[in-house]
C-alpha atoms as a PDB file:
ATOM      1  CA  MET A   1    -166.156  52.399 -28.083  1.00  0.00           C
ATOM      2  CA  SER A   2    -166.100  50.155 -31.161  1.00  0.00           C
ATOM      3  CA  THR A   3    -163.301  50.522 -33.681  1.00  0.00           C
ATOM      4  CA  ASP A   4    -165.204  48.566 -36.336  1.00  0.00           C
ATOM      5  CA  PRO A   5    -165.920  50.732 -39.373  1.00  0.00           C
ATOM      6  CA  LEU A   6    -169.561  51.420 -40.093  1.00  0.00           C
ATOM      7  CA  PRO A   7    -171.012  49.557 -43.081  1.00  0.00           C
ATOM      8  CA  ARG A   8    -170.752  51.454 -46.352  1.00  0.00           C
ATOM      9  CA  ARG A   9    -174.001  53.277 -47.156  1.00  0.00           C
ATOM     10  CA  PRO A  10    -175.661  52.798 -50.564  1.00  0.00           C
ATOM     11  CA  GLN A  11    -174.865  55.347 -53.272  1.00  0.00           C
ATOM     12  CA  ASN A  12    -176.654  55.763 -56.596  1.00  0.00           C
ATOM     13  CA  VAL A  13    -173.818  55.217 -59.088  1.00  0.00           C
ATOM     14  CA  HIS A  14    -175.058  52.252 -61.206  1.00  0.00           C
ATOM     15  CA  LYS A  15    -177.877  51.768 -63.722  1.00  0.00           C
ATOM     16  CA  ALA A  16    -179.511  48.936 -61.768  1.00  0.00           C
ATOM     17  CA  TYR A  17    -179.471  47.428 -58.279  1.00  0.00           C
ATOM     18  CA  HIS A  18    -180.425  44.515 -56.099  1.00  0.00           C
ATOM     19  CA  ALA A  19    -181.380  44.887 -52.453  1.00  0.00           C
ATOM     20  CA  HIS A  20    -181.431  41.643 -50.473  1.00  0.00           C
ATOM     21  CA  VAL A  21    -183.522  41.752 -47.312  1.00  0.00           C
ATOM     22  CA  TYR A  22    -182.074  39.345 -44.721  1.00  0.00           C
ATOM     23  CA  PHE A  23    -184.306  37.606 -42.179  1.00  0.00           C
ATOM     24  CA  GLY A  24    -184.706  34.446 -40.138  1.00  0.00           C
ATOM     25  CA  PRO A  25    -187.507  32.265 -38.744  1.00  0.00           C
ATOM     26  CA  ASP A  26    -188.503  34.914 -36.201  1.00  0.00           C
ATOM     27  CA  THR A  27    -188.590  37.778 -38.734  1.00  0.00           C
ATOM     28  CA  VAL A  28    -189.967  36.116 -41.884  1.00  0.00           C
ATOM     29  CA  ALA A  29    -193.397  37.789 -41.492  1.00  0.00           C
ATOM     30  CA  GLN A  30    -191.732  41.180 -41.050  1.00  0.00           C
ATOM     31  CA  ALA A  31    -189.615  40.602 -44.177  1.00  0.00           C
ATOM     32  CA  ARG A  32    -192.613  39.467 -46.233  1.00  0.00           C
ATOM     33  CA  HIS A  33    -194.529  42.590 -45.251  1.00  0.00           C
ATOM     34  CA  LEU A  34    -191.553  44.845 -46.068  1.00  0.00           C
ATOM     35  CA  VAL A  35    -190.953  43.426 -49.557  1.00  0.00           C
ATOM     36  CA  GLU A  36    -194.682  43.327 -50.387  1.00  0.00           C
ATOM     37  CA  GLU A  37    -195.004  46.997 -49.424  1.00  0.00           C
ATOM     38  CA  ALA A  38    -191.905  47.871 -51.467  1.00  0.00           C
ATOM     39  CA  GLY A  39    -193.449  46.103 -54.465  1.00  0.00           C
ATOM     40  CA  LEU A  40    -196.691  48.044 -54.085  1.00  0.00           C
ATOM     41  CA  GLN A  41    -195.152  51.475 -53.499  1.00  0.00           C
ATOM     42  CA  PHE A  42    -192.176  51.441 -55.873  1.00  0.00           C
ATOM     43  CA  LYS A  43    -191.166  50.197 -59.299  1.00  0.00           C
ATOM     44  CA  VAL A  44    -189.245  47.235 -57.900  1.00  0.00           C
ATOM     45  CA  GLN A  45    -189.331  43.604 -58.846  1.00  0.00           C
ATOM     46  CA  VAL A  46    -189.890  41.448 -55.774  1.00  0.00           C
ATOM     47  CA  GLY A  47    -188.201  38.057 -55.873  1.00  0.00           C
ATOM     48  CA  ARG A  48    -188.996  34.898 -53.945  1.00  0.00           C
ATOM     49  CA  VAL A  49    -188.885  34.938 -50.175  1.00  0.00           C
ATOM     50  CA  HIS A  50    -186.233  32.250 -49.657  1.00  0.00           C
ATOM     51  CA  GLU A  51    -186.583  30.431 -46.348  1.00  0.00           C
ATOM     52  CA  LYS A  52    -183.230  28.768 -47.014  1.00  0.00           C
ATOM     53  CA  LEU A  53    -179.721  29.909 -47.895  1.00  0.00           C
ATOM     54  CA  VAL A  54    -179.412  30.986 -51.536  1.00  0.00           C
ATOM     55  CA  GLY A  55    -176.317  32.095 -53.461  1.00  0.00           C
ATOM     56  CA  PRO A  56    -173.723  33.993 -51.446  1.00  0.00           C
ATOM     57  CA  HIS A  57    -176.201  35.068 -48.769  1.00  0.00           C
ATOM     58  CA  PRO A  58    -175.536  33.899 -45.176  1.00  0.00           C
ATOM     59  CA  ALA A  59    -179.187  34.303 -44.130  1.00  0.00           C
ATOM     60  CA  TRP A  60    -182.626  33.723 -45.579  1.00  0.00           C
ATOM     61  CA  SER A  61    -183.343  36.521 -48.035  1.00  0.00           C
ATOM     62  CA  CYS A  62    -185.602  38.163 -50.578  1.00  0.00           C
ATOM     63  CA  GLN A  63    -184.278  40.179 -53.510  1.00  0.00           C
ATOM     64  CA  LEU A  64    -185.662  43.481 -54.721  1.00  0.00           C
ATOM     65  CA  ALA A  65    -184.503  44.563 -58.201  1.00  0.00           C
ATOM     66  CA  PHE A  66    -184.744  48.194 -59.270  1.00  0.00           C
ATOM     67  CA  SER A  67    -183.239  50.872 -61.481  1.00  0.00           C
ATOM     68  CA  ALA A  68    -181.198  53.953 -60.644  1.00  0.00           C
ATOM     69  CA  ALA A  69    -184.392  55.973 -61.221  1.00  0.00           C
ATOM     70  CA  GLU A  70    -185.980  54.287 -58.178  1.00  0.00           C
ATOM     71  CA  PHE A  71    -182.833  54.236 -56.014  1.00  0.00           C
ATOM     72  CA  ASP A  72    -183.276  57.630 -54.328  1.00  0.00           C
ATOM     73  CA  LYS A  73    -186.848  56.724 -53.348  1.00  0.00           C
ATOM     74  CA  ILE A  74    -186.499  53.065 -52.331  1.00  0.00           C
ATOM     75  CA  ILE A  75    -183.242  53.183 -50.306  1.00  0.00           C
ATOM     76  CA  PRO A  76    -184.392  55.774 -47.738  1.00  0.00           C
ATOM     77  CA  TRP A  77    -187.772  54.035 -47.532  1.00  0.00           C
ATOM     78  CA  LEU A  78    -186.127  50.645 -46.925  1.00  0.00           C
ATOM     79  CA  ASP A  79    -183.868  52.147 -44.276  1.00  0.00           C
ATOM     80  CA  GLU A  80    -186.817  53.758 -42.497  1.00  0.00           C
ATOM     81  CA  HIS A  81    -189.101  50.685 -42.653  1.00  0.00           C
ATOM     82  CA  ARG A  82    -186.667  47.768 -42.269  1.00  0.00           C
ATOM     83  CA  GLY A  83    -186.865  47.728 -38.468  1.00  0.00           C
ATOM     84  CA  SER A  84    -184.310  45.198 -37.203  1.00  0.00           C
ATOM     85  CA  LEU A  85    -183.794  43.636 -40.648  1.00  0.00           C
ATOM     86  CA  ASP A  86    -180.488  44.056 -42.470  1.00  0.00           C
ATOM     87  CA  VAL A  87    -180.439  44.881 -46.183  1.00  0.00           C
ATOM     88  CA  PHE A  88    -177.530  44.149 -48.536  1.00  0.00           C
ATOM     89  CA  VAL A  89    -177.537  46.535 -51.523  1.00  0.00           C
ATOM     90  CA  HIS A  90    -175.332  46.188 -54.593  1.00  0.00           C
ATOM     91  CA  GLY A  91    -175.029  47.635 -58.048  1.00  0.00           C
ATOM     92  CA  LEU A  92    -175.228  45.500 -61.182  1.00  0.00           C
ATOM     93  CA  SER A  93    -172.092  46.019 -63.256  1.00  0.00           C
ATOM     94  CA  GLY A  94    -171.878  42.641 -64.980  1.00  0.00           C
ATOM     95  CA  ASP A  95    -169.069  41.502 -62.655  1.00  0.00           C
ATOM     96  CA  ASP A  96    -170.690  39.406 -59.917  1.00  0.00           C
ATOM     97  CA  LEU A  97    -167.629  39.396 -57.652  1.00  0.00           C
ATOM     98  CA  ALA A  98    -167.233  43.187 -57.831  1.00  0.00           C
ATOM     99  CA  ASP A  99    -170.981  43.663 -57.383  1.00  0.00           C
ATOM    100  CA  HIS A 100    -170.903  41.667 -54.130  1.00  0.00           C
ATOM    101  CA  THR A 101    -167.710  43.318 -52.819  1.00  0.00           C
ATOM    102  CA  THR A 102    -166.623  46.642 -54.349  1.00  0.00           C
ATOM    103  CA  HIS A 103    -170.178  47.722 -55.276  1.00  0.00           C
ATOM    104  CA  ALA A 104    -171.731  46.438 -52.019  1.00  0.00           C
ATOM    105  CA  SER A 105    -173.267  48.471 -49.217  1.00  0.00           C
ATOM    106  CA  TRP A 106    -175.568  47.910 -46.268  1.00  0.00           C
ATOM    107  CA  LEU A 107    -178.593  49.162 -44.412  1.00  0.00           C
ATOM    108  CA  GLY A 108    -178.087  47.776 -40.929  1.00  0.00           C
ATOM    109  CA  LYS A 109    -175.467  45.228 -39.951  1.00  0.00           C
ATOM    110  CA  GLU A 110    -172.901  43.996 -42.480  1.00  0.00           C
ATOM    111  CA  TRP A 111    -172.839  40.215 -42.964  1.00  0.00           C
ATOM    112  CA  PRO A 112    -169.954  38.143 -44.368  1.00  0.00           C
ATOM    113  CA  LEU A 113    -170.918  36.713 -47.756  1.00  0.00           C
ATOM    114  CA  ASN A 114    -169.905  33.337 -49.182  1.00  0.00           C
ATOM    115  CA  LEU A 115    -168.049  34.580 -52.266  1.00  0.00           C
ATOM    116  CA  GLU A 116    -166.635  31.211 -53.417  1.00  0.00           C
ATOM    117  CA  MET A 117    -169.165  31.005 -56.229  1.00  0.00           C
ATOM    118  CA  PHE A 118    -167.749  34.228 -57.710  1.00  0.00           C
ATOM    119  CA  GLN A 119    -164.055  33.424 -57.380  1.00  0.00           C
ATOM    120  CA  ARG A 120    -162.239  33.417 -60.684  1.00  0.00           C
ATOM    121  CA  PRO A 121    -160.247  30.256 -61.365  1.00  0.00           C
ATOM    122  CA  ARG A 122    -156.508  30.743 -61.201  1.00  0.00           C
ATOM    123  CA  ALA A 123    -154.582  30.223 -64.410  1.00  0.00           C
ATOM    124  CA  ASN A 124    -152.235  27.230 -64.460  1.00  0.00           C
ATOM    125  CA  PRO A 125    -148.556  28.238 -64.631  1.00  0.00           C
END
């Protein structure tokens, strides 16, 4: 029996969101189909399908951007249709570090993010 906590599930508490669909060379076609369908069925903005590491993401990814009004429709749909893909979901608060940590949740497996780009510089004593 695993003692690892389950990933935090997305909750609709922000005005806007990003969902990042993670994939690799073997699942790129699956990811493309998923994000294209999301774009057709919902009021989401579909970003580029990045077949390289981008930003803090530890896997290839594609971003979906949507409002709180779409959240309750798109999140269950993504969870049902993602198959083996993992989806990182975060609110947009204006604080990138908090958005990628405190306001972060997952559909599927949780991945460690590279948060260095969001680290605040320490003040000199």
